[in-house]
């Protein structure tokens, strides 16, 4: 386990130690697009979903109320896992780093959907995270990402203010270049405040 990941775990625990109690209430004011992504997820056919960076478990609870399925939440922050387990003791929440976690082994079979909801932007090695997730998917499976974008259509001073707000929390909106290795469907919302991304591993081409 790398020193970088352990240091990030310590940072998350320091930050979420107290914030976890008001996290769900406060985040609804600026984590836009989450419920849209969850509603879109429900339109597909799947029976297994793993959320990476599950936090308090809010998204998994939302989904589970609407569709019975196999759900597991993974998070690097022990403080957030404590909150998730308190709020949904019947659900499965495990500690793990997205870069190295054995995602495919969580349900005894590869998941059809892997969800990152405003979590990929906080992970130290996002390319390694996506590679690990893509390798774990069931055939035909998808990675779903809802996260901050570049706010490119915002007034420049407002965009810079948003960046200054996010940086102390180690939040760095995932760049589009991160998705190049995958089949990608990308949409933006609120002047590119957020991005909704659906990824699939590229099919290997056959050569004679």
Protein backbone atom coordinates (compact mmCIF):
# COMPACT_ATOMS: atom_id res chain seq x y z
CA UNK A 1 0.00 0.00 0.00
CA UNK A 2 1.60 3.26 -1.10
CA UNK A 3 2.48 6.10 1.23
CA UNK A 4 0.47 8.46 -1.01
CA UNK A 5 -2.73 6.49 -0.50
CA UNK A 6 -2.24 6.15 3.25
CA UNK A 7 -1.56 9.88 3.55
CA UNK A 8 -4.73 10.59 1.58
CA UNK A 9 -6.68 8.27 3.89
CA UNK A 10 -5.43 10.26 6.88
CA UNK A 11 -6.42 13.54 5.19
CA UNK A 12 -9.93 12.23 4.49
CA UNK A 13 -10.37 11.03 8.06
CA UNK A 14 -9.31 14.41 9.45
CA UNK A 15 -11.70 16.25 7.16
CA UNK A 16 -14.72 13.96 7.49
CA UNK A 17 -14.41 13.31 11.21
CA UNK A 18 -16.93 16.07 11.92
CA UNK A 19 -18.26 16.94 8.47
CA UNK A 20 -19.79 13.46 8.08
CA UNK A 21 -22.61 14.41 10.46
CA UNK A 22 -23.90 17.15 8.14
CA UNK A 23 -22.50 15.89 4.85
CA UNK A 24 -25.73 14.83 3.16
CA UNK A 25 -27.58 18.00 4.18
CA UNK A 26 -24.84 20.37 3.04
CA UNK A 27 -23.83 18.66 -0.22
CA UNK A 28 -27.23 18.92 -1.84
CA UNK A 29 -26.49 22.61 -2.35
CA UNK A 30 -23.52 22.07 -4.68
CA UNK A 31 -23.20 18.41 -5.75
CA UNK A 32 -25.57 18.92 -8.65
CA UNK A 33 -26.59 16.23 -11.10
CA UNK A 34 -26.37 13.30 -8.69
CA UNK A 35 -30.04 12.40 -8.70
CA UNK A 36 -30.21 12.83 -12.45
CA UNK A 37 -27.37 10.32 -12.80
CA UNK A 38 -29.07 7.90 -10.40
CA UNK A 39 -32.37 8.14 -12.27
CA UNK A 40 -30.57 7.48 -15.56
CA UNK A 41 -28.85 4.49 -13.97
CA UNK A 42 -32.21 2.97 -13.11
CA UNK A 43 -33.23 3.06 -16.76
CA UNK A 44 -30.70 0.31 -17.56
CA UNK A 45 -30.78 -3.41 -16.82
CA UNK A 46 -28.35 -4.53 -14.12
CA UNK A 47 -28.33 -6.48 -10.86
CA UNK A 48 -24.91 -5.58 -9.43
CA UNK A 49 -23.57 -2.13 -8.61
CA UNK A 50 -20.45 -1.04 -6.75
CA UNK A 51 -20.05 2.58 -5.69
CA UNK A 52 -16.46 3.74 -5.27
CA UNK A 53 -16.23 6.61 -2.83
CA UNK A 54 -19.61 5.79 -1.35
CA UNK A 55 -19.30 8.28 1.50
CA UNK A 56 -22.32 8.16 3.80
CA UNK A 57 -24.03 5.65 1.53
CA UNK A 58 -26.64 8.18 0.47
CA UNK A 59 -26.60 7.19 -3.20
CA UNK A 60 -26.81 3.45 -2.53
CA UNK A 61 -29.70 3.97 -0.15
CA UNK A 62 -31.47 6.02 -2.85
CA UNK A 63 -30.97 3.27 -5.42
CA UNK A 64 -31.86 0.40 -3.09
CA UNK A 65 -35.23 1.97 -2.28
CA UNK A 66 -36.06 1.86 -5.98
CA UNK A 67 -34.40 -1.36 -7.18
CA UNK A 68 -33.48 -4.52 -5.30
CA UNK A 69 -29.96 -5.48 -6.38
CA UNK A 70 -26.52 -6.42 -5.06
CA UNK A 71 -24.93 -3.21 -3.75
CA UNK A 72 -21.54 -2.60 -2.19
CA UNK A 73 -19.96 0.70 -1.20
CA UNK A 74 -16.21 1.22 -1.04
CA UNK A 75 -14.54 4.20 0.60
CA UNK A 76 -11.04 5.15 1.70
CA UNK A 77 -12.29 7.26 4.62
CA UNK A 78 -12.90 5.29 7.81
CA UNK A 79 -14.94 8.19 9.18
CA UNK A 80 -17.38 8.06 6.28
CA UNK A 81 -17.70 4.28 6.49
CA UNK A 82 -18.68 4.65 10.13
CA UNK A 83 -21.45 7.04 9.12
CA UNK A 84 -22.63 4.84 6.25
CA UNK A 85 -22.85 1.76 8.45
CA UNK A 86 -24.81 3.66 11.07
CA UNK A 87 -27.32 4.96 8.53
CA UNK A 88 -27.71 1.70 6.62
CA UNK A 89 -26.62 -1.22 8.82
CA UNK A 90 -28.13 -3.77 6.42
CA UNK A 91 -26.03 -2.59 3.49
CA UNK A 92 -22.44 -3.57 2.73
CA UNK A 93 -19.73 -0.92 3.09
CA UNK A 94 -16.03 -1.81 2.97
CA UNK A 95 -12.77 0.05 3.26
CA UNK A 96 -10.68 0.11 0.12
CA UNK A 97 -8.59 2.24 -2.19
CA UNK A 98 -10.08 2.62 -5.65
CA UNK A 99 -6.65 2.22 -7.22
CA UNK A 100 -6.07 -1.27 -5.83
CA UNK A 101 -9.35 -2.70 -4.50
CA UNK A 102 -10.45 -6.10 -5.84
CA UNK A 103 -13.72 -4.77 -7.22
CA UNK A 104 -14.55 -7.89 -9.22
CA UNK A 105 -14.41 -10.07 -6.11
CA UNK A 106 -16.84 -8.07 -3.99
CA UNK A 107 -19.98 -9.92 -5.09
CA UNK A 108 -18.33 -13.11 -6.22
CA UNK A 109 -18.87 -11.92 -9.79
CA UNK A 110 -17.96 -8.90 -11.85
CA UNK A 111 -20.36 -5.95 -11.38
CA UNK A 112 -22.46 -4.60 -14.24
CA UNK A 113 -22.17 -1.01 -13.01
CA UNK A 114 -19.50 0.90 -11.12
CA UNK A 115 -20.45 4.34 -9.86
CA UNK A 116 -18.29 7.33 -8.98
CA UNK A 117 -20.43 10.18 -7.63
CA UNK A 118 -18.31 13.26 -6.96
CA UNK A 119 -15.51 10.99 -5.79
CA UNK A 120 -13.14 10.49 -8.73
CA UNK A 121 -12.10 14.15 -8.46
CA UNK A 122 -10.75 13.46 -4.95
CA UNK A 123 -8.70 10.38 -5.80
CA UNK A 124 -4.91 10.78 -6.04
CA UNK A 125 -4.43 8.45 -9.04
CA UNK A 126 -7.55 8.78 -11.23
CA UNK A 127 -6.08 7.01 -14.28
CA UNK A 128 -5.18 3.99 -12.15
CA UNK A 129 -8.64 4.13 -10.57
CA UNK A 130 -10.41 3.91 -13.92
CA UNK A 131 -8.09 1.18 -15.17
CA UNK A 132 -8.82 -0.90 -12.07
CA UNK A 133 -12.56 -0.33 -12.42
CA UNK A 134 -12.62 -1.14 -16.13
CA UNK A 135 -10.75 -4.40 -15.55
CA UNK A 136 -13.38 -5.43 -12.99
CA UNK A 137 -16.51 -4.86 -15.11
CA UNK A 138 -18.72 -7.65 -16.33
CA UNK A 139 -18.97 -7.99 -20.13
CA UNK A 140 -21.11 -5.12 -21.38
CA UNK A 141 -20.77 -3.31 -18.06
CA UNK A 142 -20.34 0.42 -17.61
CA UNK A 143 -18.56 2.90 -15.37
CA UNK A 144 -20.74 5.88 -14.46
CA UNK A 145 -19.16 9.14 -13.29
CA UNK A 146 -20.93 12.25 -12.04
CA UNK A 147 -18.45 14.90 -10.97
CA UNK A 148 -17.26 18.47 -11.24
CA UNK A 149 -16.27 19.66 -14.71
CA UNK A 150 -14.22 22.66 -15.86
CA UNK A 151 -17.02 25.29 -15.62
CA UNK A 152 -15.78 26.52 -19.00
CA UNK A 153 -18.99 28.43 -19.74
CA UNK A 154 -18.94 30.34 -16.48
CA UNK A 155 -17.89 33.96 -16.03
CA UNK A 156 -14.10 33.75 -15.51
CA UNK A 157 -14.01 35.24 -11.96
CA UNK A 158 -16.73 32.81 -10.85
CA UNK A 159 -14.83 29.90 -12.39
CA UNK A 160 -11.65 30.89 -10.56
CA UNK A 161 -13.58 31.26 -7.30
CA UNK A 162 -14.93 27.72 -7.71
CA UNK A 163 -11.42 26.41 -8.29
CA UNK A 164 -10.13 28.20 -5.19
CA UNK A 165 -12.97 26.71 -3.18
CA UNK A 166 -12.29 23.13 -4.32
CA UNK A 167 -8.49 23.04 -4.13
CA UNK A 168 -8.07 22.98 -0.31
CA UNK A 169 -10.26 19.86 -0.26
CA UNK A 170 -8.01 18.21 -2.86
CA UNK A 171 -10.79 18.22 -5.42
CA UNK A 172 -9.57 18.36 -9.03
CA UNK A 173 -12.23 17.98 -11.75
CA UNK A 174 -11.35 14.99 -13.96
CA UNK A 175 -10.04 16.14 -17.37
CA UNK A 176 -11.63 14.75 -20.51
CA UNK A 177 -8.26 13.28 -21.52
CA UNK A 178 -8.67 10.78 -18.69
CA UNK A 179 -11.39 9.03 -20.69
CA UNK A 180 -9.42 8.55 -23.93
CA UNK A 181 -8.74 4.81 -23.38
CA UNK A 182 -12.47 4.06 -23.14
CA UNK A 183 -15.63 4.21 -25.17
CA UNK A 184 -17.12 7.38 -23.76
CA UNK A 185 -20.46 9.11 -23.58
CA UNK A 186 -20.03 12.55 -22.03
CA UNK A 187 -22.64 15.15 -21.12
CA UNK A 188 -22.35 18.45 -19.27
CA UNK A 189 -24.74 20.39 -17.06
CA UNK A 190 -25.05 23.92 -15.65
CA UNK A 191 -22.52 25.58 -17.93
CA UNK A 192 -20.13 22.64 -17.55
CA UNK A 193 -20.31 22.80 -13.76
CA UNK A 194 -20.74 19.04 -13.73
CA UNK A 195 -20.06 16.16 -16.10
CA UNK A 196 -21.96 12.91 -16.52
CA UNK A 197 -19.76 10.25 -18.08
CA UNK A 198 -20.44 6.66 -19.09
CA UNK A 199 -17.41 4.54 -19.91
CA UNK A 200 -16.92 1.11 -21.40
CA UNK A 201 -13.67 -0.70 -22.14
CA UNK A 202 -12.82 -0.55 -25.83
CA UNK A 203 -13.27 -3.82 -27.67
CA UNK A 204 -10.03 -5.28 -28.96
CA UNK A 205 -9.84 -5.16 -32.73
CA UNK A 206 -9.25 -8.39 -34.65
CA UNK A 207 -6.28 -8.43 -36.97
CA UNK A 208 -5.56 -11.02 -39.64
